[in-house]
Protein backbone atom coordinates (compact mmCIF):
# COMPACT_ATOMS: atom_id res chain seq x y z
CA MET A 1 11.38 -1.89 -2.38
CA ALA A 2 14.29 -2.97 -4.55
CA GLY A 3 13.34 -5.90 -6.70
CA PRO A 4 14.71 -8.14 -9.45
CA ALA A 5 16.89 -6.56 -12.13
CA PHE A 6 14.28 -6.53 -14.88
CA ASN A 7 15.37 -6.12 -18.48
CA ARG A 8 12.72 -4.28 -20.51
CA ASP A 9 15.08 -3.40 -23.34
CA PHE A 10 13.41 -5.59 -25.93
CA THR A 11 11.91 -4.37 -29.20
CA PRO A 12 10.92 -7.30 -31.40
CA ASP A 13 10.59 -7.30 -35.15
CA TYR A 14 7.14 -8.86 -35.25
CA GLY A 15 6.86 -11.91 -37.46
CA ALA A 16 10.59 -12.14 -38.17
CA VAL A 17 12.45 -15.34 -37.35
CA VAL A 18 15.46 -14.79 -35.09
CA GLU A 19 18.16 -17.43 -34.81
CA LEU A 20 19.02 -17.66 -31.10
CA SER A 21 21.28 -20.72 -31.10
CA PRO A 22 22.03 -23.78 -33.23
CA LEU A 23 18.82 -25.41 -32.04
CA VAL A 24 16.52 -22.49 -31.18
CA ARG A 25 14.63 -19.92 -33.25
CA ARG A 26 12.02 -17.38 -32.11
CA VAL A 27 9.06 -15.56 -33.64
CA VAL A 28 7.28 -12.87 -31.60
CA ALA A 29 3.54 -12.33 -32.02
CA LYS A 30 2.15 -8.83 -32.36
CA ASN A 31 -0.03 -8.98 -29.26
CA PRO A 32 1.61 -6.50 -26.87
CA ASN A 33 -0.37 -5.39 -23.81
CA PRO A 34 0.23 -4.75 -20.10
CA PHE A 35 0.18 -8.53 -19.42
CA THR A 36 2.19 -9.81 -22.39
CA PHE A 37 4.84 -7.05 -22.49
CA THR A 38 5.94 -6.81 -26.15
CA GLY A 39 4.04 -9.96 -27.15
CA THR A 40 4.21 -13.74 -27.04
CA GLY A 41 7.60 -15.17 -27.97
CA VAL A 42 7.21 -18.50 -29.77
CA TYR A 43 10.23 -20.81 -29.79
CA LEU A 44 11.03 -23.34 -32.49
CA VAL A 45 13.33 -26.06 -31.20
CA GLY A 46 15.30 -28.40 -33.42
CA ARG A 47 16.19 -28.65 -37.10
CA GLY A 48 14.20 -30.79 -39.49
CA ASP A 49 12.03 -32.31 -36.77
CA VAL A 50 10.79 -29.13 -35.05
CA ALA A 51 8.92 -28.53 -31.78
CA VAL A 52 7.02 -25.28 -31.20
CA ILE A 53 6.72 -23.97 -27.65
CA ASP A 54 3.55 -21.93 -26.89
CA PRO A 55 2.11 -21.00 -30.32
CA GLY A 56 0.52 -17.81 -29.00
CA PRO A 57 -2.54 -16.02 -30.41
CA THR A 58 -4.81 -17.03 -33.29
CA LEU A 59 -3.67 -14.20 -35.60
CA ASP A 60 -3.23 -15.75 -39.03
CA GLU A 61 -0.25 -13.57 -39.91
CA HIS A 62 1.47 -14.80 -36.76
CA LEU A 63 0.83 -18.46 -37.56
CA ASP A 64 2.05 -17.78 -41.10
CA ALA A 65 5.27 -16.42 -39.59
CA ILE A 66 5.77 -19.56 -37.48
CA GLU A 67 5.44 -21.79 -40.54
CA GLY A 68 7.53 -19.34 -42.55
CA ALA A 69 10.39 -19.84 -40.08
CA LEU A 70 10.82 -23.40 -41.29
CA GLY A 71 13.53 -24.31 -43.74
CA GLU A 72 13.21 -26.63 -46.71
CA GLY A 73 12.16 -30.11 -45.64
CA GLU A 74 11.41 -29.08 -42.04
CA LYS A 75 8.20 -30.06 -40.28
CA ILE A 76 6.53 -29.08 -37.01
CA THR A 77 5.85 -32.42 -35.32
CA LYS A 78 5.26 -31.34 -31.71
CA ILE A 79 3.57 -28.41 -29.97
CA LEU A 80 4.67 -27.94 -26.35
CA VAL A 81 2.51 -25.91 -23.98
CA THR A 82 3.91 -24.37 -20.79
CA HIS A 83 0.43 -23.55 -19.41
CA THR A 84 -3.12 -22.78 -20.40
CA HIS A 85 -3.44 -19.01 -20.73
CA THR A 86 -4.79 -17.84 -24.06
CA ASP A 87 -1.79 -15.69 -24.98
CA HIS A 88 0.10 -19.00 -25.06
CA THR A 89 -2.47 -21.48 -26.33
CA ALA A 90 -5.15 -19.73 -28.39
CA GLY A 91 -3.34 -20.55 -31.63
CA VAL A 92 -2.79 -24.24 -30.82
CA ALA A 93 -5.86 -25.58 -32.62
CA LYS A 94 -5.12 -23.64 -35.80
CA LEU A 95 -1.47 -24.70 -35.82
CA VAL A 96 -2.47 -28.33 -35.29
CA ALA A 97 -4.87 -28.05 -38.23
CA ARG A 98 -2.07 -26.65 -40.38
CA THR A 99 0.67 -29.09 -39.37
CA GLY A 100 -0.87 -32.20 -37.85
CA ALA A 101 1.51 -31.86 -34.89
CA ALA A 102 0.83 -33.58 -31.57
CA THR A 103 0.34 -31.42 -28.49
CA TYR A 104 2.18 -31.91 -25.20
CA GLY A 105 1.23 -30.44 -21.83
CA PHE A 106 0.75 -31.17 -18.14
CA GLY A 107 -3.02 -31.33 -18.47
CA PRO A 108 -6.09 -29.11 -18.63
CA HIS A 109 -6.48 -25.83 -16.78
CA GLY A 110 -7.24 -25.93 -13.07
CA PRO A 111 -10.34 -24.59 -11.29
CA VAL A 112 -11.80 -21.39 -12.72
CA PRO A 113 -14.20 -19.44 -10.47
CA ASP A 114 -17.65 -18.54 -11.74
CA LYS A 115 -16.73 -14.89 -11.27
CA ASP A 116 -13.30 -13.48 -12.07
CA PRO A 117 -11.83 -12.25 -8.74
CA MET A 118 -10.31 -9.29 -10.60
CA ASP A 119 -13.83 -8.09 -11.37
CA ALA A 120 -14.51 -7.73 -7.63
CA VAL A 121 -11.99 -4.94 -7.08
CA SER A 122 -11.64 -1.67 -8.98
CA PHE A 123 -9.05 1.09 -8.96
CA ASP A 124 -10.87 3.36 -11.41
CA GLU A 125 -10.70 6.33 -9.06
CA TYR A 126 -6.90 6.36 -9.40
CA PHE A 127 -7.00 6.92 -13.19
CA THR A 128 -7.03 10.41 -14.62
CA ALA A 129 -9.52 11.34 -17.34
CA GLU A 130 -6.66 11.44 -19.84
CA GLU A 131 -5.46 7.96 -18.84
CA LYS A 132 -8.97 6.55 -19.13
CA ALA A 133 -9.42 8.07 -22.59
CA ASP A 134 -6.03 6.71 -23.73
CA PHE A 135 -6.76 3.22 -22.41
CA GLU A 136 -10.23 3.18 -23.96
CA LYS A 137 -8.73 4.06 -27.34
CA GLN A 138 -6.09 1.33 -27.01
CA TRP A 139 -8.86 -1.14 -26.17
CA ALA A 140 -10.96 -0.09 -29.16
CA ASP A 141 -7.95 -0.55 -31.45
CA THR A 142 -7.19 -4.06 -30.13
CA PRO A 143 -8.29 -7.00 -32.32
CA ASP A 144 -11.20 -8.88 -30.77
CA GLU A 145 -9.23 -12.12 -30.39
CA LEU A 146 -6.66 -10.33 -28.21
CA LYS A 147 -9.03 -8.46 -25.92
CA ARG A 148 -9.13 -11.03 -23.16
CA GLU A 149 -6.06 -12.90 -22.00
CA GLY A 150 -7.12 -15.56 -19.51
CA PRO A 151 -7.66 -19.25 -18.81
CA ASP A 152 -7.94 -21.60 -21.75
CA VAL A 153 -10.33 -24.25 -20.43
CA ASP A 154 -10.60 -26.02 -23.78
CA PHE A 155 -7.00 -27.20 -24.19
CA GLN A 156 -6.41 -30.90 -23.66
CA PRO A 157 -2.95 -32.21 -24.61
CA ASP A 158 -2.61 -35.20 -26.88
CA VAL A 159 0.31 -36.32 -24.75
CA VAL A 160 0.24 -35.67 -21.00
CA VAL A 161 3.71 -35.06 -19.55
CA GLY A 162 4.85 -34.55 -15.98
CA ASP A 163 7.88 -33.67 -13.95
CA GLY A 164 10.97 -35.58 -15.06
CA ASP A 165 9.54 -36.76 -18.37
CA GLU A 166 11.51 -36.50 -21.60
CA ILE A 167 10.37 -35.28 -25.00
CA ASN A 168 12.67 -36.37 -27.80
CA GLY A 169 13.17 -35.15 -31.33
CA GLU A 170 15.76 -35.58 -34.05
CA GLY A 171 18.97 -34.25 -32.47
CA TRP A 172 17.42 -32.82 -29.30
CA THR A 173 16.03 -33.83 -25.91
CA ILE A 174 13.76 -31.77 -23.67
CA ASP A 175 13.26 -32.40 -19.95
CA VAL A 176 9.88 -31.50 -18.42
CA VAL A 177 9.97 -29.51 -15.17
CA HIS A 178 6.65 -29.07 -13.36
CA THR A 179 6.54 -25.54 -11.92
CA PRO A 180 3.06 -24.86 -10.50
CA GLY A 181 2.26 -21.48 -9.03
CA HIS A 182 1.31 -19.11 -11.82
CA THR A 183 -1.07 -21.91 -12.80
CA SER A 184 -1.35 -25.42 -11.40
CA ASN A 185 -0.42 -26.95 -14.77
CA HIS A 186 2.60 -24.76 -15.53
CA ILE A 187 5.68 -26.58 -16.80
CA CYS A 188 9.07 -25.43 -18.03
CA PHE A 189 11.04 -27.18 -20.76
CA GLY A 190 14.77 -27.79 -20.39
CA LEU A 191 16.67 -28.22 -23.64
CA ARG A 192 19.30 -30.65 -22.42
CA ASP A 193 21.54 -30.20 -25.48
CA GLU A 194 22.11 -26.48 -24.75
CA LYS A 195 21.43 -26.38 -20.97
CA VAL A 196 18.73 -23.71 -21.40
CA LEU A 197 15.26 -23.57 -19.88
CA PHE A 198 12.10 -22.29 -21.54
CA THR A 199 10.34 -20.78 -18.54
CA GLY A 200 6.96 -19.69 -19.91
CA ASP A 201 5.50 -17.25 -17.38
CA HIS A 202 7.12 -18.84 -14.33
CA VAL A 203 10.23 -16.64 -14.56
CA MET A 204 10.20 -13.64 -16.90
CA GLY A 205 12.80 -10.97 -17.47
CA TRP A 206 10.45 -8.00 -17.64
CA ALA A 207 8.17 -8.60 -14.60
CA THR A 208 7.16 -11.08 -11.94
CA SER A 209 4.35 -13.57 -12.49
CA VAL A 210 0.77 -12.92 -11.41
CA ILE A 211 -0.50 -15.50 -8.93
CA SER A 212 -4.28 -15.71 -9.22
CA PRO A 213 -6.17 -17.99 -6.81
CA PRO A 214 -7.73 -20.49 -6.86
CA ASP A 215 -5.61 -22.05 -9.62
CA GLY A 216 -2.57 -19.93 -8.83
CA ASP A 217 -0.94 -20.74 -5.50
CA LEU A 218 1.83 -18.83 -3.75
CA PHE A 219 3.17 -21.83 -1.80
CA ASP A 220 3.49 -23.77 -5.04
CA TYR A 221 5.09 -20.79 -6.77
CA MET A 222 7.75 -20.34 -4.09
CA ASN A 223 8.53 -24.06 -4.08
CA SER A 224 8.79 -24.00 -7.88
CA LEU A 225 11.26 -21.11 -7.73
CA ALA A 226 13.37 -22.98 -5.18
CA LYS A 227 13.27 -26.02 -7.45
CA LEU A 228 14.97 -24.05 -10.23
CA LEU A 229 17.85 -23.15 -7.89
CA GLU A 230 18.81 -26.83 -7.91
CA ARG A 231 19.29 -26.80 -11.70
CA ASP A 232 22.39 -25.74 -13.63
CA ASP A 233 20.75 -24.03 -16.61
CA VAL A 234 22.99 -21.41 -18.20
CA ARG A 235 20.18 -19.31 -19.68
CA TYR A 236 16.40 -18.92 -19.55
CA TRP A 237 14.15 -18.17 -22.51
CA PRO A 238 10.81 -16.83 -21.17
CA THR A 239 7.72 -16.49 -23.35
CA HIS A 240 7.63 -12.72 -22.87
CA GLY A 241 10.77 -10.62 -23.25
CA THR A 242 14.39 -11.47 -23.86
CA SER A 243 16.75 -14.02 -22.35
CA ILE A 244 17.69 -14.22 -18.67
CA GLU A 245 21.37 -14.59 -17.98
CA ASP A 246 22.81 -15.79 -14.64
CA PRO A 247 19.43 -17.43 -13.96
CA GLN A 248 20.09 -18.78 -10.46
CA THR A 249 20.93 -15.32 -9.13
CA TYR A 250 17.85 -13.95 -10.85
CA VAL A 251 15.57 -16.65 -9.40
CA GLN A 252 16.88 -15.92 -5.92
CA SER A 253 15.96 -12.26 -6.46
CA PHE A 254 12.40 -13.39 -7.23
CA ILE A 255 12.25 -15.34 -3.97
CA ASP A 256 13.59 -12.32 -2.09
CA HIS A 257 11.08 -10.08 -3.87
CA ARG A 258 8.11 -12.21 -2.84
CA ASN A 259 9.34 -12.32 0.74
CA GLY A 260 9.62 -8.53 0.57
CA ARG A 261 6.04 -8.24 -0.69
CA GLU A 262 4.89 -10.36 2.23
CA ALA A 263 6.71 -8.04 4.63
CA GLN A 264 5.01 -5.03 3.00
CA ILE A 265 1.59 -6.61 3.48
CA VAL A 266 2.28 -7.41 7.11
CA LYS A 267 3.49 -3.85 7.70
CA ALA A 268 0.33 -2.45 6.11
CA LEU A 269 -1.78 -4.56 8.45
CA GLU A 270 0.17 -3.43 11.51
CA ALA A 271 -1.74 -0.14 11.24
CA GLY A 272 -5.01 -2.05 11.62
CA PRO A 273 -7.46 -4.10 9.57
CA SER A 274 -7.39 -3.30 5.87
CA THR A 275 -8.60 -4.42 2.45
CA ILE A 276 -6.64 -5.43 -0.62
CA LYS A 277 -8.08 -2.41 -2.41
CA ASP A 278 -6.32 -0.19 0.13
CA ILE A 279 -3.10 -2.20 0.29
CA VAL A 280 -2.35 -2.35 -3.45
CA PRO A 281 -1.93 1.34 -4.49
CA PRO A 282 0.96 2.21 -2.15
CA MET A 283 2.62 -1.17 -2.72
CA TYR A 284 2.44 -0.95 -6.52
CA GLU A 285 2.68 2.80 -7.07
CA ALA A 286 5.58 2.30 -9.52
CA VAL A 287 3.64 -0.27 -11.58
CA ASP A 288 1.31 0.42 -14.52
CA LYS A 289 -2.08 1.04 -12.88
CA ARG A 290 -3.72 -1.21 -15.46
CA LEU A 291 -1.95 -4.06 -13.69
CA TRP A 292 -3.26 -3.20 -10.23
CA ARG A 293 -6.22 -5.56 -10.45
CA ALA A 294 -3.80 -8.37 -11.29
CA ALA A 295 -1.58 -7.17 -8.44
CA ALA A 296 -4.63 -7.44 -6.18
CA ASN A 297 -4.79 -11.14 -7.05
CA SER A 298 -1.14 -11.58 -6.11
CA VAL A 299 -1.71 -9.78 -2.78
CA TYR A 300 -4.71 -12.06 -2.29
CA SER A 301 -2.48 -15.09 -2.80
CA HIS A 302 -0.06 -13.76 -0.17
CA LEU A 303 -2.89 -13.22 2.31
CA LEU A 304 -4.26 -16.71 1.71
CA ALA A 305 -0.77 -18.06 2.46
CA LEU A 306 -0.60 -15.99 5.66
CA LEU A 307 -4.09 -17.24 6.57
CA LYS A 308 -2.91 -20.85 6.22
CA GLN A 309 -0.04 -20.01 8.56
CA GLY A 310 -2.44 -18.49 11.10
CA ARG A 311 -0.80 -15.08 10.85
CA VAL A 312 -3.86 -13.20 9.60
CA ALA A 313 -7.62 -13.41 10.06
CA VAL A 314 -10.40 -12.45 7.70
CA SER A 315 -13.64 -10.58 8.36
CA GLY A 316 -16.21 -8.42 6.61
CA THR A 317 -17.23 -9.65 3.16
CA THR A 318 -16.78 -13.42 2.95
CA GLU A 319 -18.32 -16.35 1.15
CA ALA A 320 -21.41 -17.95 2.69
CA ASP A 321 -19.18 -20.53 4.38
CA GLY A 322 -16.95 -17.81 5.84
CA SER A 323 -14.07 -18.38 3.44
CA PRO A 324 -12.18 -15.28 2.31
CA MET A 325 -12.80 -13.22 -0.79
CA ILE A 326 -10.60 -10.71 -2.59
CA SER A 327 -12.90 -8.00 -1.16
CA SER A 328 -12.62 -9.23 2.45
CA THR A 329 -11.07 -7.29 5.32
CA TRP A 330 -7.82 -8.66 6.71
CA ALA A 331 -6.09 -8.23 10.08
CA LEU A 332 -3.04 -9.60 11.85
CA THR A 333 -3.75 -12.23 14.49
């Protein structure tokens, strides 16, 4: 299935400050992995009175680089958070302690299940012995603070902001755009002065977003994509990867891609009842197999949406109340 025109041609100079525009600088954290691509891109907005968007991991050398990006007399006064995943927010507390900046966000993380749904499905049998050995070595070499990227349930913003709110600094204005889907509290930040949008994980140039129920919701995600089509931003700056040019065309390709994934799922079920574990490998054969468990969550979100529409039914393994699980069996109605 043809999908969005991803741009994976991005090799950051970790820790270096890159001047992107008169009002925007970026520092990329050295936390690359299958979920973060080449690492977390941290944006500094403004001159003098500076806002930091998504501080990233707790690595001290990374936080040093953020502060080192400041010029003489400049001060970080605001920390803006697109959403509460640790590759975006783990470093917030340390940066607040260093700078005294106030934090801004939509609110705390949404519901987190007692058990991670991704732990309920495994694709280990698809990995070769060589791949397993390579991945185990990469894991062993990963700093402990980077080994688990997931919900940050501790973050509470000092200033709660919602759709349509403004955040103002010296010489710049940011509009808040609520874009739930990847998480329920995801927001994008529109820099009005340059007509650019900082899209967090809602729209990325290197891959599509993972939608992980219960906090992630496909209906919300699709509505949030459609919402961006109504804007006239000239460029997107996502947290992972490089800029997105011609953003409206790109967003439409994401909508088309998700509709295509839905069609693939329906086609797979036309052959008879099936499980997500069986649906994912042929659908995502061109994707890094380490991402298949995350892909299973996205397929799960599609099936939950189809269930709401009455187009599929669930059987087999379910919760005690009969509600579906990621390990359930699914069939067309």
